[in-house]
Amino acid sequence: QVQLVESGGGLVQSGDSLRLSCAVSGRTISNYAMSWFRQAPGKEREFVAALFRSSRTYYSDAVKGRFTITKDNAKITMYLQMNNLVPEDTAVYYCATGSAILSSIGSKEAYNYWGQGTQVTVSS
């Protein structure tokens, strides 16, 4: 089994930065895709960012240029650096991993394992 635990969320003001962490444990597959999704109140869970085979990165248009996804292989931890946050970024952020192929990397249905989520709230 694979377990993922997010941390680093909190309440910040518009323009602030946060770094989310996703600690991974259990049996992992080196070529699994890893990603961040978010779900705002009353909204569907949406794709934020993904790391494919630990090298290629992908971002939604909403966060491109502001968010950066990285992975520390030694610590088996994935990060989401979020800069210049705006109220529209308010959501529960989830990390996920699975055997997603590149063409489905932005689809939540492509992931087998999910963390519990961490709340990010951005005030005006």
C-alpha atoms as a PDB file:
ATOM      1  CA  GLN A   1       0.000   0.000   0.000  1.00  0.00           C
ATOM      2  CA  VAL A   2       0.929   3.622  -0.469  1.00  0.00           C
ATOM      3  CA  GLN A   3       0.122   6.345   2.025  1.00  0.00           C
ATOM      4  CA  LEU A   4       0.271  10.082   1.439  1.00  0.00           C
ATOM      5  CA  VAL A   5       0.006  12.793   4.077  1.00  0.00           C
ATOM      6  CA  GLU A   6      -0.278  16.470   3.182  1.00  0.00           C
ATOM      7  CA  SER A   7       0.814  19.301   5.424  1.00  0.00           C
ATOM      8  CA  GLY A   8       1.633  22.982   5.242  1.00  0.00           C
ATOM      9  CA  GLY A   9      -1.759  24.514   4.644  1.00  0.00           C
ATOM     10  CA  GLY A  10      -3.013  27.479   6.578  1.00  0.00           C
ATOM     11  CA  LEU A  11      -4.629  30.886   6.555  1.00  0.00           C
ATOM     12  CA  VAL A  12      -2.737  33.552   4.630  1.00  0.00           C
ATOM     13  CA  GLN A  13      -3.392  36.878   2.995  1.00  0.00           C
ATOM     14  CA  SER A  14      -3.506  37.651  -0.681  1.00  0.00           C
ATOM     15  CA  GLY A  15       0.019  37.856  -2.076  1.00  0.00           C
ATOM     16  CA  ASP A  16       1.532  35.520   0.509  1.00  0.00           C
ATOM     17  CA  SER A  17       3.286  32.225  -0.155  1.00  0.00           C
ATOM     18  CA  LEU A  18       2.916  28.707   1.194  1.00  0.00           C
ATOM     19  CA  ARG A  19       4.729  25.454   0.640  1.00  0.00           C
ATOM     20  CA  LEU A  20       2.702  22.281   0.880  1.00  0.00           C
ATOM     21  CA  SER A  21       4.341  18.944   1.579  1.00  0.00           C
ATOM     22  CA  CYS A  22       3.219  15.438   0.754  1.00  0.00           C
ATOM     23  CA  ALA A  23       5.014  12.693   2.639  1.00  0.00           C
ATOM     24  CA  VAL A  24       4.912   9.331   0.912  1.00  0.00           C
ATOM     25  CA  SER A  25       5.239   5.975   2.644  1.00  0.00           C
ATOM     26  CA  GLY A  26       4.636   2.354   1.822  1.00  0.00           C
ATOM     27  CA  ARG A  27       5.429   0.608  -1.395  1.00  0.00           C
ATOM     28  CA  THR A  28       6.038   3.140  -4.122  1.00  0.00           C
ATOM     29  CA  ILE A  29       6.604   2.769  -7.815  1.00  0.00           C
ATOM     30  CA  SER A  30       9.326   4.960  -9.216  1.00  0.00           C
ATOM     31  CA  ASN A  31       7.523   5.738 -12.443  1.00  0.00           C
ATOM     32  CA  TYR A  32       4.177   6.634 -10.859  1.00  0.00           C
ATOM     33  CA  ALA A  33       2.804  10.062 -11.581  1.00  0.00           C
ATOM     34  CA  MET A  34       2.422  12.404  -8.628  1.00  0.00           C
ATOM     35  CA  SER A  35       0.073  15.324  -8.565  1.00  0.00           C
ATOM     36  CA  TRP A  36      -1.755  17.995  -6.609  1.00  0.00           C
ATOM     37  CA  PHE A  37      -5.473  18.577  -6.860  1.00  0.00           C
ATOM     38  CA  ARG A  38      -7.689  21.026  -5.032  1.00  0.00           C
ATOM     39  CA  GLN A  39     -11.343  21.295  -4.176  1.00  0.00           C
ATOM     40  CA  ALA A  40     -12.939  24.606  -3.324  1.00  0.00           C
ATOM     41  CA  PRO A  41     -16.261  24.888  -1.475  1.00  0.00           C
ATOM     42  CA  GLY A  42     -19.091  23.956  -3.803  1.00  0.00           C
ATOM     43  CA  LYS A  43     -16.698  23.051  -6.606  1.00  0.00           C
ATOM     44  CA  GLU A  44     -15.454  19.838  -8.159  1.00  0.00           C
ATOM     45  CA  ARG A  45     -11.977  18.594  -7.425  1.00  0.00           C
ATOM     46  CA  GLU A  46      -9.657  20.082 -10.026  1.00  0.00           C
ATOM     47  CA  PHE A  47      -6.160  19.464 -11.243  1.00  0.00           C
ATOM     48  CA  VAL A  48      -3.422  21.801 -10.044  1.00  0.00           C
ATOM     49  CA  ALA A  49      -0.014  20.378 -10.889  1.00  0.00           C
ATOM     50  CA  ALA A  50       1.688  17.102 -11.703  1.00  0.00           C
ATOM     51  CA  LEU A  51       5.134  15.589 -11.865  1.00  0.00           C
ATOM     52  CA  PHE A  52       5.551  12.840 -14.413  1.00  0.00           C
ATOM     53  CA  ARG A  53       8.344  10.320 -13.884  1.00  0.00           C
ATOM     54  CA  SER A  54      10.053  12.693 -11.451  1.00  0.00           C
ATOM     55  CA  SER A  55      11.102  15.107 -14.167  1.00  0.00           C
ATOM     56  CA  ARG A  56       8.349  16.575 -16.334  1.00  0.00           C
ATOM     57  CA  THR A  57       5.966  19.060 -14.756  1.00  0.00           C
ATOM     58  CA  TYR A  58       2.485  20.187 -15.728  1.00  0.00           C
ATOM     59  CA  TYR A  59       0.278  22.953 -14.372  1.00  0.00           C
ATOM     60  CA  SER A  60      -3.257  24.153 -14.741  1.00  0.00           C
ATOM     61  CA  ASP A  61      -3.689  27.538 -16.377  1.00  0.00           C
ATOM     62  CA  ALA A  62      -4.974  28.929 -13.093  1.00  0.00           C
ATOM     63  CA  VAL A  63      -1.684  28.361 -11.270  1.00  0.00           C
ATOM     64  CA  LYS A  64       0.918  28.394 -14.028  1.00  0.00           C
ATOM     65  CA  GLY A  65       3.670  30.852 -13.246  1.00  0.00           C
ATOM     66  CA  ARG A  66       2.796  30.971  -9.547  1.00  0.00           C
ATOM     67  CA  PHE A  67       3.009  27.351  -8.334  1.00  0.00           C
ATOM     68  CA  THR A  68       5.922  24.941  -8.602  1.00  0.00           C
ATOM     69  CA  ILE A  69       5.842  21.201  -8.006  1.00  0.00           C
ATOM     70  CA  THR A  70       9.005  19.415  -6.881  1.00  0.00           C
ATOM     71  CA  LYS A  71      10.033  16.137  -5.288  1.00  0.00           C
ATOM     72  CA  ASP A  72      12.771  15.251  -2.835  1.00  0.00           C
ATOM     73  CA  ASN A  73      13.679  11.670  -3.619  1.00  0.00           C
ATOM     74  CA  ALA A  74      15.859  11.237  -0.537  1.00  0.00           C
ATOM     75  CA  LYS A  75      12.986  12.185   1.777  1.00  0.00           C
ATOM     76  CA  ILE A  76      10.265  10.720  -0.452  1.00  0.00           C
ATOM     77  CA  THR A  77       8.356  13.965  -0.210  1.00  0.00           C
ATOM     78  CA  MET A  78       6.570  16.022  -2.820  1.00  0.00           C
ATOM     79  CA  TYR A  79       6.160  19.771  -2.517  1.00  0.00           C
ATOM     80  CA  LEU A  80       3.935  22.439  -3.957  1.00  0.00           C
ATOM     81  CA  GLN A  81       5.397  25.915  -3.682  1.00  0.00           C
ATOM     82  CA  MET A  82       2.588  28.431  -3.970  1.00  0.00           C
ATOM     83  CA  ASN A  83       3.485  32.071  -4.548  1.00  0.00           C
ATOM     84  CA  ASN A  84       1.375  35.173  -4.976  1.00  0.00           C
ATOM     85  CA  LEU A  85      -1.691  33.480  -3.572  1.00  0.00           C
ATOM     86  CA  VAL A  86      -5.112  34.902  -4.343  1.00  0.00           C
ATOM     87  CA  PRO A  87      -8.516  34.210  -2.765  1.00  0.00           C
ATOM     88  CA  GLU A  88      -9.425  31.987  -5.709  1.00  0.00           C
ATOM     89  CA  ASP A  89      -6.736  29.567  -4.507  1.00  0.00           C
ATOM     90  CA  THR A  90      -8.750  28.828  -1.368  1.00  0.00           C
ATOM     91  CA  ALA A  91      -9.430  25.092  -1.310  1.00  0.00           C
ATOM     92  CA  VAL A  92      -8.540  21.790   0.256  1.00  0.00           C
ATOM     93  CA  TYR A  93      -5.382  20.609  -1.464  1.00  0.00           C
ATOM     94  CA  TYR A  94      -4.790  16.904  -2.039  1.00  0.00           C
ATOM     95  CA  CYS A  95      -1.737  15.038  -3.209  1.00  0.00           C
ATOM     96  CA  ALA A  96      -2.161  11.898  -5.237  1.00  0.00           C
ATOM     97  CA  THR A  97      -0.144   9.222  -6.938  1.00  0.00           C
ATOM     98  CA  GLY A  98      -0.862   6.405  -9.317  1.00  0.00           C
ATOM     99  CA  SER A  99      -0.024   4.778 -12.588  1.00  0.00           C
ATOM    100  CA  ALA A 100      -1.422   7.592 -14.705  1.00  0.00           C
ATOM    101  CA  ILE A 101      -0.179   7.836 -18.241  1.00  0.00           C
ATOM    102  CA  LEU A 102       0.767  11.229 -19.557  1.00  0.00           C
ATOM    103  CA  SER A 103      -2.475  11.775 -21.440  1.00  0.00           C
ATOM    104  CA  SER A 104      -4.548  11.318 -18.271  1.00  0.00           C
ATOM    105  CA  ILE A 105      -2.243  12.976 -15.768  1.00  0.00           C
ATOM    106  CA  GLY A 106      -4.754  15.760 -15.098  1.00  0.00           C
ATOM    107  CA  SER A 107      -7.678  13.437 -14.435  1.00  0.00           C
ATOM    108  CA  LYS A 108      -8.492  12.518 -10.843  1.00  0.00           C
ATOM    109  CA  GLU A 109      -9.759   9.144 -12.029  1.00  0.00           C
ATOM    110  CA  ALA A 110      -6.210   8.206 -13.020  1.00  0.00           C
ATOM    111  CA  TYR A 111      -4.898   8.131  -9.460  1.00  0.00           C
ATOM    112  CA  ASN A 112      -5.096   5.252  -7.021  1.00  0.00           C
ATOM    113  CA  TYR A 113      -3.859   6.869  -3.822  1.00  0.00           C
ATOM    114  CA  TRP A 114      -4.848  10.117  -2.150  1.00  0.00           C
ATOM    115  CA  GLY A 115      -3.876  12.043   0.929  1.00  0.00           C
ATOM    116  CA  GLN A 116      -6.361  13.409   3.432  1.00  0.00           C
ATOM    117  CA  GLY A 117      -6.040  16.977   2.225  1.00  0.00           C
ATOM    118  CA  THR A 118      -4.785  20.199   3.760  1.00  0.00           C
ATOM    119  CA  GLN A 119      -6.783  23.420   3.910  1.00  0.00           C
ATOM    120  CA  VAL A 120      -5.470  26.560   2.253  1.00  0.00           C
ATOM    121  CA  THR A 121      -7.406  29.748   2.880  1.00  0.00           C
ATOM    122  CA  VAL A 122      -6.429  33.037   1.264  1.00  0.00           C
ATOM    123  CA  SER A 123      -8.083  36.185   2.542  1.00  0.00           C
ATOM    124  CA  SER A 124      -8.459  39.397   0.571  1.00  0.00           C
END
